[in-house]
Amino acid sequence: MKSTRSMIAALALVLIAVTAMADEKRWVSSEGTTLKSAASATSENITDVLVGTEVTLVESGGRWLKVKTAAGKEGWVYAGRVSDTPPAAEIAGGDGGLFGDTAQKSQINTAKADSARSIRGLSPETVKYAKDRGTPEIYKKSLDVILARKIAAKELKAFLREGYIGEFAQQQGGAK
């Protein structure tokens, strides 16, 4: 009798979790995001997904999420390429410090916020800090040269693949 109750309770919890997950929305937050046929960066591409696209969470597989698009396409996407807040909410959220207030929601958002600062150059706070510390102007100029360098998406993907970073992390040593 007690065993049956435990089984029913466990089944109810699973159903609640599946129902909650089915309604869970995510938004693509990284350019170059591709829906994959399996939870692997080397699996077959199903379709490209644009930044800002809303997807519904179907299943969570750790670093990979199985999602469904509004067009009905279903596949796997690397978790670091999506956010649990819509793009407009991220923009409206403001700047929550060096790493941005959306950093807790997605590592990609932190990278986007940091990249945006790089495009604009150093923040006024950083410039003031460097000046207060007596940092030589040549350091700032050298940093400006580095920050001005543009990297093509193909180069970035090759760097991530060769360094086993992000969605390519699990491929090192043949692990899937």
Protein backbone atom coordinates (compact mmCIF):
# COMPACT_ATOMS: atom_id res chain seq x y z
CA MET A 1 0.00 0.00 0.00
CA LYS A 2 2.75 2.43 0.99
CA SER A 3 4.70 1.42 -2.11
CA THR A 4 1.71 2.23 -4.33
CA ARG A 5 1.33 5.66 -2.73
CA SER A 6 5.01 6.38 -3.25
CA MET A 7 4.76 5.36 -6.91
CA ILE A 8 1.70 7.57 -7.43
CA ALA A 9 3.43 10.51 -5.74
CA ALA A 10 6.55 10.05 -7.85
CA LEU A 11 4.48 9.82 -11.03
CA ALA A 12 2.61 12.99 -10.08
CA LEU A 13 5.89 14.84 -9.55
CA VAL A 14 7.20 13.68 -12.93
CA LEU A 15 4.01 14.83 -14.64
CA ILE A 16 4.18 18.22 -12.94
CA ALA A 17 7.83 18.64 -13.97
CA VAL A 18 7.12 17.64 -17.57
CA THR A 19 4.13 20.00 -17.75
CA ALA A 20 6.18 22.88 -16.31
CA MET A 21 9.02 22.20 -18.74
CA ALA A 22 6.64 22.06 -21.72
CA ASP A 23 5.57 25.64 -21.02
CA GLU A 24 9.10 26.89 -20.42
CA LYS A 25 10.25 29.42 -23.01
CA ARG A 26 13.77 30.36 -24.01
CA TRP A 27 15.12 32.91 -26.49
CA VAL A 28 18.11 32.49 -28.78
CA SER A 29 20.80 34.91 -27.60
CA SER A 30 23.76 34.06 -29.81
CA GLU A 31 24.36 34.57 -33.52
CA GLY A 32 25.18 31.42 -35.45
CA THR A 33 22.87 29.22 -33.36
CA THR A 34 21.90 26.02 -35.12
CA LEU A 35 19.24 23.49 -34.17
CA LYS A 36 20.98 20.08 -34.07
CA SER A 37 19.67 16.54 -34.56
CA ALA A 38 21.43 15.36 -31.38
CA ALA A 39 23.02 16.91 -28.29
CA SER A 40 26.41 17.33 -29.95
CA ALA A 41 28.13 20.15 -31.82
CA THR A 42 29.08 17.70 -34.57
CA SER A 43 25.58 16.34 -35.12
CA GLU A 44 23.57 17.14 -38.23
CA ASN A 45 22.21 20.69 -38.57
CA ILE A 46 18.42 20.88 -38.76
CA THR A 47 18.08 24.63 -39.23
CA ASP A 48 19.65 27.96 -38.30
CA VAL A 49 17.86 29.90 -35.55
CA LEU A 50 18.06 33.70 -35.45
CA VAL A 51 18.87 35.74 -32.35
CA GLY A 52 15.66 36.63 -30.52
CA THR A 53 13.75 33.55 -31.72
CA GLU A 54 11.47 32.13 -29.03
CA VAL A 55 11.71 28.38 -28.48
CA THR A 56 9.88 26.03 -26.13
CA LEU A 57 11.89 23.73 -23.89
CA VAL A 58 11.08 20.07 -24.57
CA GLU A 59 13.88 18.35 -22.66
CA SER A 60 16.99 19.33 -20.74
CA GLY A 61 20.15 17.33 -21.31
CA GLY A 62 22.65 19.25 -19.19
CA ARG A 63 24.64 21.50 -21.52
CA TRP A 64 22.15 20.84 -24.32
CA LEU A 65 18.45 21.63 -24.49
CA LYS A 66 15.90 19.98 -26.74
CA VAL A 67 13.65 22.76 -28.02
CA LYS A 68 10.82 23.34 -30.45
CA THR A 69 10.45 26.43 -32.62
CA ALA A 70 7.16 28.15 -33.45
CA ALA A 71 7.55 26.66 -36.96
CA GLY A 72 7.41 23.17 -35.40
CA LYS A 73 11.09 22.32 -35.87
CA GLU A 74 12.44 20.28 -32.97
CA GLY A 75 16.07 19.67 -32.10
CA TRP A 76 18.94 20.30 -29.74
CA VAL A 77 20.63 23.62 -29.01
CA TYR A 78 23.62 24.36 -26.79
CA ALA A 79 22.32 25.85 -23.51
CA GLY A 80 24.84 28.70 -23.62
CA ARG A 81 23.23 30.01 -26.81
CA VAL A 82 19.83 30.68 -25.25
CA SER A 83 18.49 32.87 -22.46
CA ASP A 84 15.46 32.53 -20.21
CA THR A 85 14.56 36.19 -20.75
CA PRO A 86 13.36 37.79 -23.98
CA PRO A 87 15.85 40.07 -25.77
CA ALA A 88 13.83 43.23 -25.04
CA ALA A 89 13.88 42.45 -21.31
CA GLU A 90 17.67 42.07 -21.40
CA ILE A 91 18.09 45.46 -23.09
CA ALA A 92 15.62 47.15 -20.74
CA GLY A 93 17.36 45.61 -17.71
CA GLY A 94 20.20 48.09 -17.76
CA ASP A 95 23.77 47.63 -16.70
CA GLY A 96 24.18 45.66 -13.51
CA GLY A 97 27.91 46.20 -13.20
CA LEU A 98 30.96 44.87 -14.96
CA PHE A 99 29.28 41.63 -16.07
CA GLY A 100 25.73 42.94 -16.48
CA ASP A 101 22.66 41.99 -14.48
CA THR A 102 21.72 39.16 -16.84
CA ALA A 103 24.95 37.25 -16.18
CA GLN A 104 23.21 34.84 -13.85
CA LYS A 105 20.71 33.85 -16.56
CA SER A 106 23.19 32.99 -19.29
CA GLN A 107 26.93 32.94 -19.76
CA ILE A 108 26.32 34.15 -23.31
CA ASN A 109 24.63 37.28 -21.98
CA THR A 110 27.76 38.08 -19.99
CA ALA A 111 29.87 37.66 -23.11
CA LYS A 112 27.46 39.82 -25.12
CA ALA A 113 27.53 42.58 -22.49
CA ASP A 114 31.31 42.45 -22.30
CA SER A 115 31.59 42.44 -26.12
CA ALA A 116 29.27 45.43 -26.36
CA ARG A 117 31.51 47.34 -23.97
CA SER A 118 34.52 46.36 -26.06
CA ILE A 119 32.92 47.76 -29.17
CA ARG A 120 32.31 51.06 -27.39
CA GLY A 121 35.74 51.03 -25.78
CA LEU A 122 36.34 51.30 -22.07
CA SER A 123 33.50 52.36 -19.80
CA PRO A 124 33.81 55.77 -18.09
CA GLU A 125 34.28 53.98 -14.75
CA THR A 126 37.15 51.92 -16.13
CA VAL A 127 38.82 54.98 -17.64
CA LYS A 128 38.52 56.81 -14.29
CA TYR A 129 39.91 53.79 -12.42
CA ALA A 130 42.91 53.58 -14.80
CA LYS A 131 43.52 57.32 -14.47
CA ASP A 132 43.27 57.20 -10.65
CA ARG A 133 45.77 54.32 -10.60
CA GLY A 134 48.18 56.14 -12.90
CA THR A 135 47.94 53.59 -15.71
CA PRO A 136 50.08 54.80 -18.64
CA GLU A 137 48.14 56.06 -21.70
CA ILE A 138 50.06 53.65 -23.94
CA TYR A 139 48.28 50.74 -22.18
CA LYS A 140 44.90 52.21 -23.05
CA LYS A 141 45.97 52.73 -26.67
CA SER A 142 47.26 49.17 -26.90
CA LEU A 143 43.99 47.86 -25.47
CA ASP A 144 42.02 49.96 -27.98
CA VAL A 145 43.95 48.28 -30.82
CA ILE A 146 43.12 44.83 -29.44
CA LEU A 147 39.44 45.68 -28.88
CA ALA A 148 39.11 47.05 -32.41
CA ARG A 149 40.08 43.69 -33.96
CA LYS A 150 37.16 41.99 -35.66
CA ILE A 151 36.88 38.21 -35.72
CA ALA A 152 34.81 36.40 -38.33
CA ALA A 153 32.20 33.89 -37.14
CA LYS A 154 34.13 31.12 -38.92
CA GLU A 155 37.33 32.02 -37.01
CA LEU A 156 35.46 32.09 -33.72
CA LYS A 157 33.88 28.68 -34.34
CA ALA A 158 37.29 27.21 -35.24
CA PHE A 159 38.76 28.67 -32.02
CA LEU A 160 35.96 27.18 -29.91
CA ARG A 161 36.28 23.79 -31.63
CA GLU A 162 40.08 23.62 -31.31
CA GLY A 163 39.97 24.73 -27.66
CA TYR A 164 37.09 22.39 -26.73
CA ILE A 165 35.14 25.40 -25.46
CA GLY A 166 31.36 25.87 -25.12
CA GLU A 167 29.34 23.39 -27.15
CA PHE A 168 32.58 21.70 -28.26
CA ALA A 169 33.74 21.01 -24.67
CA GLN A 170 32.45 17.45 -24.55
CA GLN A 171 34.31 16.38 -27.69
CA GLN A 172 37.74 16.32 -26.09
CA GLY A 173 39.11 12.81 -25.83
CA GLY A 174 36.25 11.38 -27.87
CA ALA A 175 33.62 11.94 -25.15
CA LYS A 176 30.14 12.73 -26.40
